[in-house]
Amino acid sequence: MRRALVLGATLAVASALVNARPAKAQEVGADIGLFSAYVWRGLSLTNKPVAEPDLYVTFPAGPASITVGGWANFDLGKYRNLNDDISESGGLSAFNLSEVDPYAEVAFPAGKATLTAGVIGYIYPNTVKSATFEPTPGLLTKESNTVEIYGKVEVDAPLSPTLSVYYDVDKIKGAYIEAGVSHSLPINEKVGVDLGAVGGFSAGQGLNDSNADESQNFADDGFTHLDISAGLPLTAGVFSITPALHLVINGDDFTKVTSPTNTSDAKVWGGVTVSWSKSYGEEEAVDSAE
């Protein structure tokens, strides 16, 4: 569950009030992540290895940039141990496509900040094939398909602070808020370590008395988790290779679940991402606002 389409009329008005920056050239990019587990917003959606490809294109639109693309998750293993396994796909087969997220977003410069608005769909292609089939915990089907819209602010300042608000407009009808900071710590002239910390908060996506019969992402509203990460970006020709490790401190009862029979106040996951991107066309010169 990654990037994101856009409702940006309000942001367009705001961007007209600040000096416009040069629009970027069109960019096409792709990446593939191989991870020890699929952890989303602190939740262990699959607790065994996964592959997560992403394909996107970004193009200029005046002072703004628009990105459209798609992200997916594949459960790599076949497993049905009900005591140990959480599987988004049910673990019925190896290399099982368990989730597809089409997305689009628009980003506007505003002084030292970048304002982003978008929408993302969560599509789960797996289904329960018979009434007698007992799926592994975590199975998500088309009944769970949903849509979120979101807004994000990124500030060009020390620690690069970000604040994002997501709102589920379909199945859950609640908000999720995420705040983060990051810093690159140089090791030498060519290599540095990317450090980050992200905190999550549920504001309507938790289970409570008012939505006990509806879908939910968390056990309750409030603090969900803190994800502390370290990555080591490396370059190999046209590719960027980034191994990373995450320590998740769990606050919500659902984020504490690490298997059908175990919970923990903390968990560790990690992996490596291989990325590629290419720009096309010259950057456009955009006149400053009068």
C-alpha atoms as a PDB file:
ATOM      1  CA  MET A   1       0.000   0.000   0.000  1.00  0.00           C
ATOM      2  CA  ARG A   2       2.042   2.888  -1.186  1.00  0.00           C
ATOM      3  CA  ARG A   3       1.691   6.125  -3.226  1.00  0.00           C
ATOM      4  CA  ALA A   4      -1.600   7.467  -4.626  1.00  0.00           C
ATOM      5  CA  LEU A   5      -5.299  10.099  -7.492  1.00  0.00           C
ATOM      6  CA  VAL A   6      -5.915  13.622  -6.781  1.00  0.00           C
ATOM      7  CA  LEU A   7      -8.411  16.229  -5.722  1.00  0.00           C
ATOM      8  CA  GLY A   8      -6.268  19.359  -5.975  1.00  0.00           C
ATOM      9  CA  ALA A   9      -8.419  22.401  -6.733  1.00  0.00           C
ATOM     10  CA  THR A  10      -7.762  24.022  -3.355  1.00  0.00           C
ATOM     11  CA  LEU A  11      -4.042  23.385  -3.613  1.00  0.00           C
ATOM     12  CA  ALA A  12      -3.996  24.824  -7.144  1.00  0.00           C
ATOM     13  CA  VAL A  13      -5.361  28.115  -5.825  1.00  0.00           C
ATOM     14  CA  ALA A  14      -2.771  28.150  -3.059  1.00  0.00           C
ATOM     15  CA  SER A  15       0.097  27.436  -5.455  1.00  0.00           C
ATOM     16  CA  ALA A  16      -0.865  30.430  -7.608  1.00  0.00           C
ATOM     17  CA  LEU A  17      -0.083  32.670  -4.646  1.00  0.00           C
ATOM     18  CA  VAL A  18       3.577  31.640  -4.413  1.00  0.00           C
ATOM     19  CA  ASN A  19       6.483  31.874  -6.837  1.00  0.00           C
ATOM     20  CA  ALA A  20       6.369  29.036  -9.317  1.00  0.00           C
ATOM     21  CA  ARG A  21       9.388  26.775  -9.711  1.00  0.00           C
ATOM     22  CA  PRO A  22      10.691  25.110 -12.865  1.00  0.00           C
ATOM     23  CA  ALA A  23       8.576  22.103 -13.778  1.00  0.00           C
ATOM     24  CA  LYS A  24      10.432  18.814 -13.950  1.00  0.00           C
ATOM     25  CA  ALA A  25      10.860  16.758 -17.068  1.00  0.00           C
ATOM     26  CA  GLN A  26       8.754  13.654 -17.489  1.00  0.00           C
ATOM     27  CA  GLU A  27      10.099  10.731 -15.495  1.00  0.00           C
ATOM     28  CA  VAL A  28       9.447   6.998 -15.699  1.00  0.00           C
ATOM     29  CA  GLY A  29      10.456   4.789 -12.822  1.00  0.00           C
ATOM     30  CA  ALA A  30      10.204   1.282 -11.449  1.00  0.00           C
ATOM     31  CA  ASP A  31      11.346  -0.517  -8.342  1.00  0.00           C
ATOM     32  CA  ILE A  32      11.113  -3.927  -6.737  1.00  0.00           C
ATOM     33  CA  GLY A  33      11.341  -4.576  -3.022  1.00  0.00           C
ATOM     34  CA  LEU A  34      12.120  -7.943  -1.406  1.00  0.00           C
ATOM     35  CA  PHE A  35      11.198  -7.946   2.279  1.00  0.00           C
ATOM     36  CA  SER A  36      11.068 -10.352   5.197  1.00  0.00           C
ATOM     37  CA  ALA A  37       7.385  -9.462   5.781  1.00  0.00           C
ATOM     38  CA  TYR A  38       4.671  -7.089   4.561  1.00  0.00           C
ATOM     39  CA  VAL A  39       4.233  -4.500   7.312  1.00  0.00           C
ATOM     40  CA  TRP A  40       1.787  -1.646   6.573  1.00  0.00           C
ATOM     41  CA  ARG A  41       1.101   1.095   9.115  1.00  0.00           C
ATOM     42  CA  GLY A  42       2.617  -1.162  11.738  1.00  0.00           C
ATOM     43  CA  LEU A  43       0.276  -4.049  10.857  1.00  0.00           C
ATOM     44  CA  SER A  44       1.783  -7.422   9.899  1.00  0.00           C
ATOM     45  CA  LEU A  45      -0.288  -8.272   6.819  1.00  0.00           C
ATOM     46  CA  THR A  46       2.053 -11.127   5.882  1.00  0.00           C
ATOM     47  CA  ASN A  47       4.715 -12.415   8.253  1.00  0.00           C
ATOM     48  CA  LYS A  48       6.823 -14.230   5.628  1.00  0.00           C
ATOM     49  CA  PRO A  49       8.864 -12.979   2.629  1.00  0.00           C
ATOM     50  CA  VAL A  50       7.173 -10.827  -0.015  1.00  0.00           C
ATOM     51  CA  ALA A  51       8.007  -9.089  -3.304  1.00  0.00           C
ATOM     52  CA  GLU A  52       6.639  -5.580  -3.905  1.00  0.00           C
ATOM     53  CA  PRO A  53       6.995  -4.095  -7.434  1.00  0.00           C
ATOM     54  CA  ASP A  54       6.069  -0.515  -8.315  1.00  0.00           C
ATOM     55  CA  LEU A  55       5.785   1.245 -11.688  1.00  0.00           C
ATOM     56  CA  TYR A  56       5.071   4.967 -12.133  1.00  0.00           C
ATOM     57  CA  VAL A  57       5.312   7.949 -14.462  1.00  0.00           C
ATOM     58  CA  THR A  58       5.641  11.595 -13.387  1.00  0.00           C
ATOM     59  CA  PHE A  59       5.026  14.512 -15.710  1.00  0.00           C
ATOM     60  CA  PRO A  60       4.839  18.317 -15.308  1.00  0.00           C
ATOM     61  CA  ALA A  61       1.597  20.293 -15.249  1.00  0.00           C
ATOM     62  CA  GLY A  62       2.560  23.951 -14.971  1.00  0.00           C
ATOM     63  CA  PRO A  63       4.246  24.455 -11.581  1.00  0.00           C
ATOM     64  CA  ALA A  64       2.889  21.111 -10.372  1.00  0.00           C
ATOM     65  CA  SER A  65       3.826  17.512 -11.081  1.00  0.00           C
ATOM     66  CA  ILE A  66       1.442  14.592 -11.522  1.00  0.00           C
ATOM     67  CA  THR A  67       2.344  10.984 -10.783  1.00  0.00           C
ATOM     68  CA  VAL A  68       0.304   7.928 -11.757  1.00  0.00           C
ATOM     69  CA  GLY A  69       1.255   4.332 -11.238  1.00  0.00           C
ATOM     70  CA  GLY A  70       0.600   1.015  -9.622  1.00  0.00           C
ATOM     71  CA  TRP A  71       2.073  -0.980  -6.737  1.00  0.00           C
ATOM     72  CA  ALA A  72       1.580  -4.658  -5.867  1.00  0.00           C
ATOM     73  CA  ASN A  73       2.377  -7.237  -3.200  1.00  0.00           C
ATOM     74  CA  PHE A  74       3.213 -10.898  -3.886  1.00  0.00           C
ATOM     75  CA  ASP A  75       3.270 -13.499  -1.119  1.00  0.00           C
ATOM     76  CA  LEU A  76       6.315 -15.546  -2.128  1.00  0.00           C
ATOM     77  CA  GLY A  77       5.632 -18.717  -0.150  1.00  0.00           C
ATOM     78  CA  LYS A  78       2.919 -21.336   0.032  1.00  0.00           C
ATOM     79  CA  TYR A  79       1.972 -21.965   3.651  1.00  0.00           C
ATOM     80  CA  ARG A  80      -1.060 -22.747   5.805  1.00  0.00           C
ATOM     81  CA  ASN A  81       0.209 -23.147   9.347  1.00  0.00           C
ATOM     82  CA  LEU A  82      -2.657 -21.612  11.287  1.00  0.00           C
ATOM     83  CA  ASN A  83      -0.522 -21.283  14.416  1.00  0.00           C
ATOM     84  CA  ASP A  84       2.383 -19.375  12.850  1.00  0.00           C
ATOM     85  CA  ASP A  85       1.319 -17.758   9.570  1.00  0.00           C
ATOM     86  CA  ILE A  86      -0.393 -14.541   8.603  1.00  0.00           C
ATOM     87  CA  SER A  87      -0.994 -14.426   4.849  1.00  0.00           C
ATOM     88  CA  GLU A  88      -2.777 -11.665   2.946  1.00  0.00           C
ATOM     89  CA  SER A  89      -3.357 -14.097   0.061  1.00  0.00           C
ATOM     90  CA  GLY A  90      -4.283 -17.103   2.205  1.00  0.00           C
ATOM     91  CA  GLY A  91      -0.942 -18.778   1.461  1.00  0.00           C
ATOM     92  CA  LEU A  92      -2.519 -21.117  -1.099  1.00  0.00           C
ATOM     93  CA  SER A  93       0.266 -20.904  -3.666  1.00  0.00           C
ATOM     94  CA  ALA A  94       3.767 -19.577  -4.112  1.00  0.00           C
ATOM     95  CA  PHE A  95       4.208 -16.151  -5.731  1.00  0.00           C
ATOM     96  CA  ASN A  96       0.564 -15.283  -5.091  1.00  0.00           C
ATOM     97  CA  LEU A  97      -0.583 -11.773  -6.069  1.00  0.00           C
ATOM     98  CA  SER A  98      -2.321 -10.589  -2.911  1.00  0.00           C
ATOM     99  CA  GLU A  99      -2.782  -6.844  -3.475  1.00  0.00           C
ATOM    100  CA  VAL A 100      -2.778  -4.248  -6.280  1.00  0.00           C
ATOM    101  CA  ASP A 101      -2.822  -0.509  -5.519  1.00  0.00           C
ATOM    102  CA  PRO A 102      -3.398   1.857  -8.477  1.00  0.00           C
ATOM    103  CA  TYR A 103      -2.654   5.433  -7.492  1.00  0.00           C
ATOM    104  CA  ALA A 104      -2.176   8.983  -8.707  1.00  0.00           C
ATOM    105  CA  GLU A 105      -1.096  12.172  -7.005  1.00  0.00           C
ATOM    106  CA  VAL A 106      -0.396  15.818  -7.712  1.00  0.00           C
ATOM    107  CA  ALA A 107       2.302  17.830  -5.945  1.00  0.00           C
ATOM    108  CA  PHE A 108       2.571  21.637  -5.738  1.00  0.00           C
ATOM    109  CA  PRO A 109       5.537  23.710  -4.523  1.00  0.00           C
ATOM    110  CA  ALA A 110       4.641  26.302  -1.881  1.00  0.00           C
ATOM    111  CA  GLY A 111       7.691  28.173  -0.634  1.00  0.00           C
ATOM    112  CA  LYS A 112       9.859  25.649   1.222  1.00  0.00           C
ATOM    113  CA  ALA A 113       7.008  23.157   1.386  1.00  0.00           C
ATOM    114  CA  THR A 114       5.577  20.675  -1.094  1.00  0.00           C
ATOM    115  CA  LEU A 115       1.823  20.044  -0.912  1.00  0.00           C
ATOM    116  CA  THR A 116       0.552  16.732  -2.247  1.00  0.00           C
ATOM    117  CA  ALA A 117      -2.979  15.408  -2.706  1.00  0.00           C
ATOM    118  CA  GLY A 118      -4.012  12.037  -4.021  1.00  0.00           C
ATOM    119  CA  VAL A 119      -6.202   8.960  -4.098  1.00  0.00           C
ATOM    120  CA  ILE A 120      -5.266   5.284  -3.916  1.00  0.00           C
ATOM    121  CA  GLY A 121      -7.263   2.123  -4.427  1.00  0.00           C
ATOM    122  CA  TYR A 122      -6.669  -1.087  -2.470  1.00  0.00           C
ATOM    123  CA  ILE A 123      -7.611  -4.149  -4.547  1.00  0.00           C
ATOM    124  CA  TYR A 124      -7.359  -7.711  -3.183  1.00  0.00           C
ATOM    125  CA  PRO A 125      -7.731 -10.260  -6.031  1.00  0.00           C
ATOM    126  CA  ASN A 126      -7.926 -13.440  -3.893  1.00  0.00           C
ATOM    127  CA  THR A 127     -11.252 -15.068  -2.993  1.00  0.00           C
ATOM    128  CA  VAL A 128     -12.432 -17.901  -0.760  1.00  0.00           C
ATOM    129  CA  LYS A 129     -13.279 -20.683  -3.243  1.00  0.00           C
ATOM    130  CA  SER A 130     -15.580 -22.786  -1.073  1.00  0.00           C
ATOM    131  CA  ALA A 131     -17.556 -22.544   2.130  1.00  0.00           C
ATOM    132  CA  THR A 132     -15.462 -25.342   3.659  1.00  0.00           C
ATOM    133  CA  PHE A 133     -12.128 -23.648   2.993  1.00  0.00           C
ATOM    134  CA  GLU A 134     -10.531 -22.329   6.157  1.00  0.00           C
ATOM    135  CA  PRO A 135      -8.146 -19.533   5.118  1.00  0.00           C
ATOM    136  CA  THR A 136      -5.061 -18.564   7.030  1.00  0.00           C
ATOM    137  CA  PRO A 137      -5.486 -15.509   9.262  1.00  0.00           C
ATOM    138  CA  GLY A 138      -5.069 -12.260   7.366  1.00  0.00           C
ATOM    139  CA  LEU A 139      -6.763 -13.326   4.110  1.00  0.00           C
ATOM    140  CA  LEU A 140      -8.127 -10.277   2.288  1.00  0.00           C
ATOM    141  CA  THR A 141     -10.620 -10.658  -0.576  1.00  0.00           C
ATOM    142  CA  LYS A 142     -12.538  -8.372  -2.939  1.00  0.00           C
ATOM    143  CA  GLU A 143     -14.956  -7.740  -0.053  1.00  0.00           C
ATOM    144  CA  SER A 144     -12.144  -5.699   1.514  1.00  0.00           C
ATOM    145  CA  ASN A 145     -11.484  -3.507  -1.570  1.00  0.00           C
ATOM    146  CA  THR A 146     -11.520   0.159  -0.612  1.00  0.00           C
ATOM    147  CA  VAL A 147     -10.334   3.690  -1.546  1.00  0.00           C
ATOM    148  CA  GLU A 148      -8.487   6.401   0.351  1.00  0.00           C
ATOM    149  CA  ILE A 149      -7.873  10.052  -0.439  1.00  0.00           C
ATOM    150  CA  TYR A 150      -5.039  11.899   1.218  1.00  0.00           C
ATOM    151  CA  GLY A 151      -3.078  15.097   1.653  1.00  0.00           C
ATOM    152  CA  LYS A 152       0.558  15.514   2.622  1.00  0.00           C
ATOM    153  CA  VAL A 153       2.914  18.360   3.538  1.00  0.00           C
ATOM    154  CA  GLU A 154       6.688  17.983   3.174  1.00  0.00           C
ATOM    155  CA  VAL A 155       8.934  20.791   4.429  1.00  0.00           C
ATOM    156  CA  ASP A 156      12.444  21.527   3.169  1.00  0.00           C
ATOM    157  CA  ALA A 157      13.919  22.004   6.641  1.00  0.00           C
ATOM    158  CA  PRO A 158      16.201  20.160   9.063  1.00  0.00           C
ATOM    159  CA  LEU A 159      14.998  16.548   9.525  1.00  0.00           C
ATOM    160  CA  SER A 160      12.672  16.964   6.478  1.00  0.00           C
ATOM    161  CA  PRO A 161       9.420  16.800   8.480  1.00  0.00           C
ATOM    162  CA  THR A 162       6.287  15.398   6.825  1.00  0.00           C
ATOM    163  CA  LEU A 163       2.646  15.209   7.860  1.00  0.00           C
ATOM    164  CA  SER A 164       0.113  13.032   6.000  1.00  0.00           C
ATOM    165  CA  VAL A 165      -3.626  12.556   6.495  1.00  0.00           C
ATOM    166  CA  TYR A 166      -5.412   9.628   4.806  1.00  0.00           C
ATOM    167  CA  TYR A 167      -9.198   9.232   4.766  1.00  0.00           C
ATOM    168  CA  ASP A 168     -10.931   6.007   3.767  1.00  0.00           C
ATOM    169  CA  VAL A 169     -14.024   6.975   1.778  1.00  0.00           C
ATOM    170  CA  ASP A 170     -15.384   3.454   1.216  1.00  0.00           C
ATOM    171  CA  LYS A 171     -15.241   0.512   3.646  1.00  0.00           C
ATOM    172  CA  ILE A 172     -13.818   2.095   6.798  1.00  0.00           C
ATOM    173  CA  LYS A 173     -14.752   5.785   6.553  1.00  0.00           C
ATOM    174  CA  GLY A 174     -12.097   6.949   8.964  1.00  0.00           C
ATOM    175  CA  ALA A 175      -8.799   8.843   9.029  1.00  0.00           C
ATOM    176  CA  TYR A 176      -5.209   7.782   9.584  1.00  0.00           C
ATOM    177  CA  ILE A 177      -2.532  10.385  10.391  1.00  0.00           C
ATOM    178  CA  GLU A 178       1.192   9.890   9.941  1.00  0.00           C
ATOM    179  CA  ALA A 179       4.074  12.189  10.937  1.00  0.00           C
ATOM    180  CA  GLY A 180       7.686  11.553  10.028  1.00  0.00           C
ATOM    181  CA  VAL A 181      11.235  12.882  10.043  1.00  0.00           C
ATOM    182  CA  SER A 182      14.344  11.746   8.158  1.00  0.00           C
ATOM    183  CA  HIS A 183      18.046  12.532   7.961  1.00  0.00           C
ATOM    184  CA  SER A 184      20.925  11.352   5.791  1.00  0.00           C
ATOM    185  CA  LEU A 185      24.095  10.679   7.776  1.00  0.00           C
ATOM    186  CA  PRO A 186      27.180  10.678   5.503  1.00  0.00           C
ATOM    187  CA  ILE A 187      29.728   7.899   5.983  1.00  0.00           C
ATOM    188  CA  ASN A 188      32.097   9.141   3.288  1.00  0.00           C
ATOM    189  CA  GLU A 189      31.901  11.228   0.085  1.00  0.00           C
ATOM    190  CA  LYS A 190      29.866   8.585  -1.753  1.00  0.00           C
ATOM    191  CA  VAL A 191      27.905   6.657   0.885  1.00  0.00           C
ATOM    192  CA  GLY A 192      25.496   7.699   3.603  1.00  0.00           C
ATOM    193  CA  VAL A 193      22.922   6.139   5.906  1.00  0.00           C
ATOM    194  CA  ASP A 194      19.292   7.285   5.602  1.00  0.00           C
ATOM    195  CA  LEU A 195      17.669   7.416   9.041  1.00  0.00           C
ATOM    196  CA  GLY A 196      13.925   7.827   9.517  1.00  0.00           C
ATOM    197  CA  ALA A 197      11.137   7.712  12.061  1.00  0.00           C
ATOM    198  CA  VAL A 198       7.390   7.574  11.342  1.00  0.00           C
ATOM    199  CA  GLY A 199       4.592   7.674  13.896  1.00  0.00           C
ATOM    200  CA  GLY A 200       1.015   6.610  13.097  1.00  0.00           C
ATOM    201  CA  PHE A 201      -2.324   7.615  14.644  1.00  0.00           C
ATOM    202  CA  SER A 202      -5.806   6.280  13.972  1.00  0.00           C
ATOM    203  CA  ALA A 203      -8.637   8.826  13.930  1.00  0.00           C
ATOM    204  CA  GLY A 204     -11.659   6.724  13.008  1.00  0.00           C
ATOM    205  CA  GLN A 205     -10.024   3.597  11.551  1.00  0.00           C
ATOM    206  CA  GLY A 206     -10.159   1.744  14.857  1.00  0.00           C
ATOM    207  CA  LEU A 207     -12.826  -0.638  16.142  1.00  0.00           C
ATOM    208  CA  ASN A 208     -15.203   1.054  18.556  1.00  0.00           C
ATOM    209  CA  ASP A 209     -18.834   0.942  19.637  1.00  0.00           C
ATOM    210  CA  SER A 210     -20.022   3.180  16.793  1.00  0.00           C
ATOM    211  CA  ASN A 211     -18.579   1.013  14.000  1.00  0.00           C
ATOM    212  CA  ALA A 212     -18.458  -2.452  15.579  1.00  0.00           C
ATOM    213  CA  ASP A 213     -20.166  -3.969  12.522  1.00  0.00           C
ATOM    214  CA  GLU A 214     -17.959  -2.175   9.973  1.00  0.00           C
ATOM    215  CA  SER A 215     -14.445  -2.792   8.674  1.00  0.00           C
ATOM    216  CA  GLN A 216     -11.506  -1.384  10.567  1.00  0.00           C
ATOM    217  CA  ASN A 217      -7.724  -1.288  10.345  1.00  0.00           C
ATOM    218  CA  PHE A 218      -6.915  -0.973  14.054  1.00  0.00           C
ATOM    219  CA  ALA A 219      -8.234  -2.169  17.385  1.00  0.00           C
ATOM    220  CA  ASP A 220      -8.764   1.367  18.657  1.00  0.00           C
ATOM    221  CA  ASP A 221      -8.180   5.016  17.817  1.00  0.00           C
ATOM    222  CA  GLY A 222      -5.038   6.803  18.961  1.00  0.00           C
ATOM    223  CA  PHE A 223      -1.336   5.941  18.663  1.00  0.00           C
ATOM    224  CA  THR A 224      -0.763   2.906  16.420  1.00  0.00           C
ATOM    225  CA  HIS A 225       3.007   2.496  16.070  1.00  0.00           C
ATOM    226  CA  LEU A 226       6.432   4.067  15.677  1.00  0.00           C
ATOM    227  CA  ASP A 227       8.623   2.804  12.812  1.00  0.00           C
ATOM    228  CA  ILE A 228      12.336   3.595  13.129  1.00  0.00           C
ATOM    229  CA  SER A 229      14.382   2.761  10.029  1.00  0.00           C
ATOM    230  CA  ALA A 230      17.902   2.810   8.639  1.00  0.00           C
ATOM    231  CA  GLY A 231      18.742   2.412   4.940  1.00  0.00           C
ATOM    232  CA  LEU A 232      21.985   2.327   2.978  1.00  0.00           C
ATOM    233  CA  PRO A 233      21.489   3.658  -0.582  1.00  0.00           C
ATOM    234  CA  LEU A 234      24.017   2.265  -3.049  1.00  0.00           C
ATOM    235  CA  THR A 235      24.483   2.773  -6.797  1.00  0.00           C
ATOM    236  CA  ALA A 236      25.149   0.038  -9.351  1.00  0.00           C
ATOM    237  CA  GLY A 237      25.121   1.478 -12.870  1.00  0.00           C
ATOM    238  CA  VAL A 238      21.620   2.792 -13.618  1.00  0.00           C
ATOM    239  CA  PHE A 239      20.170   1.112 -10.521  1.00  0.00           C
ATOM    240  CA  SER A 240      19.850   2.240  -6.932  1.00  0.00           C
ATOM    241  CA  ILE A 241      20.037  -0.577  -4.363  1.00  0.00           C
ATOM    242  CA  THR A 242      18.907   0.161  -0.815  1.00  0.00           C
ATOM    243  CA  PRO A 243      19.008  -2.424   1.969  1.00  0.00           C
ATOM    244  CA  ALA A 244      16.974  -1.260   4.965  1.00  0.00           C
ATOM    245  CA  LEU A 245      16.036  -2.390   8.461  1.00  0.00           C
ATOM    246  CA  HIS A 246      12.943  -1.360  10.438  1.00  0.00           C
ATOM    247  CA  LEU A 247      12.210  -1.498  14.161  1.00  0.00           C
ATOM    248  CA  VAL A 248       8.490  -1.122  14.880  1.00  0.00           C
ATOM    249  CA  ILE A 249       7.310  -0.159  18.363  1.00  0.00           C
ATOM    250  CA  ASN A 250       3.668  -1.228  18.552  1.00  0.00           C
ATOM    251  CA  GLY A 251       0.962   0.746  20.317  1.00  0.00           C
ATOM    252  CA  ASP A 252      -2.312  -0.674  18.973  1.00  0.00           C
ATOM    253  CA  ASP A 253      -3.447  -4.212  19.803  1.00  0.00           C
ATOM    254  CA  PHE A 254      -3.664  -5.039  16.070  1.00  0.00           C
ATOM    255  CA  THR A 255      -0.123  -3.807  15.316  1.00  0.00           C
ATOM    256  CA  LYS A 256       1.136  -5.997  18.179  1.00  0.00           C
ATOM    257  CA  VAL A 257       0.002  -9.146  16.363  1.00  0.00           C
ATOM    258  CA  THR A 258       3.004 -10.977  14.866  1.00  0.00           C
ATOM    259  CA  SER A 259       1.315 -14.366  14.280  1.00  0.00           C
ATOM    260  CA  PRO A 260      -2.128 -15.873  14.951  1.00  0.00           C
ATOM    261  CA  THR A 261      -0.962 -16.939  18.425  1.00  0.00           C
ATOM    262  CA  ASN A 262       1.632 -14.284  19.324  1.00  0.00           C
ATOM    263  CA  THR A 263       1.765 -10.574  20.068  1.00  0.00           C
ATOM    264  CA  SER A 264       4.722  -8.319  20.776  1.00  0.00           C
ATOM    265  CA  ASP A 265       5.376  -4.714  21.759  1.00  0.00           C
ATOM    266  CA  ALA A 266       8.106  -4.544  19.080  1.00  0.00           C
ATOM    267  CA  LYS A 267       9.071  -6.293  15.855  1.00  0.00           C
ATOM    268  CA  VAL A 268      11.819  -6.097  13.260  1.00  0.00           C
ATOM    269  CA  TRP A 269      11.498  -6.392   9.492  1.00  0.00           C
ATOM    270  CA  GLY A 270      13.676  -5.449   6.563  1.00  0.00           C
ATOM    271  CA  GLY A 271      14.824  -6.135   3.041  1.00  0.00           C
ATOM    272  CA  VAL A 272      16.241  -4.522  -0.059  1.00  0.00           C
ATOM    273  CA  THR A 273      14.786  -2.269  -2.781  1.00  0.00           C
ATOM    274  CA  VAL A 274      16.175  -2.010  -6.314  1.00  0.00           C
ATOM    275  CA  SER A 275      15.098   1.167  -8.155  1.00  0.00           C
ATOM    276  CA  TRP A 276      15.435   2.605 -11.656  1.00  0.00           C
ATOM    277  CA  SER A 277      14.228   5.873 -13.176  1.00  0.00           C
ATOM    278  CA  LYS A 278      14.761   7.872 -16.361  1.00  0.00           C
ATOM    279  CA  SER A 279      13.863  11.453 -17.261  1.00  0.00           C
ATOM    280  CA  TYR A 280      12.691  12.559 -20.707  1.00  0.00           C
ATOM    281  CA  GLY A 281      12.595  16.086 -22.120  1.00  0.00           C
ATOM    282  CA  GLU A 282      14.073  19.357 -20.894  1.00  0.00           C
ATOM    283  CA  GLU A 283      12.924  21.096 -17.747  1.00  0.00           C
ATOM    284  CA  GLU A 284      10.397  23.809 -18.536  1.00  0.00           C
ATOM    285  CA  ALA A 285      11.038  27.392 -17.511  1.00  0.00           C
ATOM    286  CA  VAL A 286       7.998  28.737 -15.676  1.00  0.00           C
ATOM    287  CA  ASP A 287       7.545  32.483 -15.119  1.00  0.00           C
ATOM    288  CA  SER A 288       7.247  33.689 -11.564  1.00  0.00           C
ATOM    289  CA  ALA A 289       3.898  34.993 -10.402  1.00  0.00           C
ATOM    290  CA  GLU A 290       3.520  38.736 -10.661  1.00  0.00           C
END
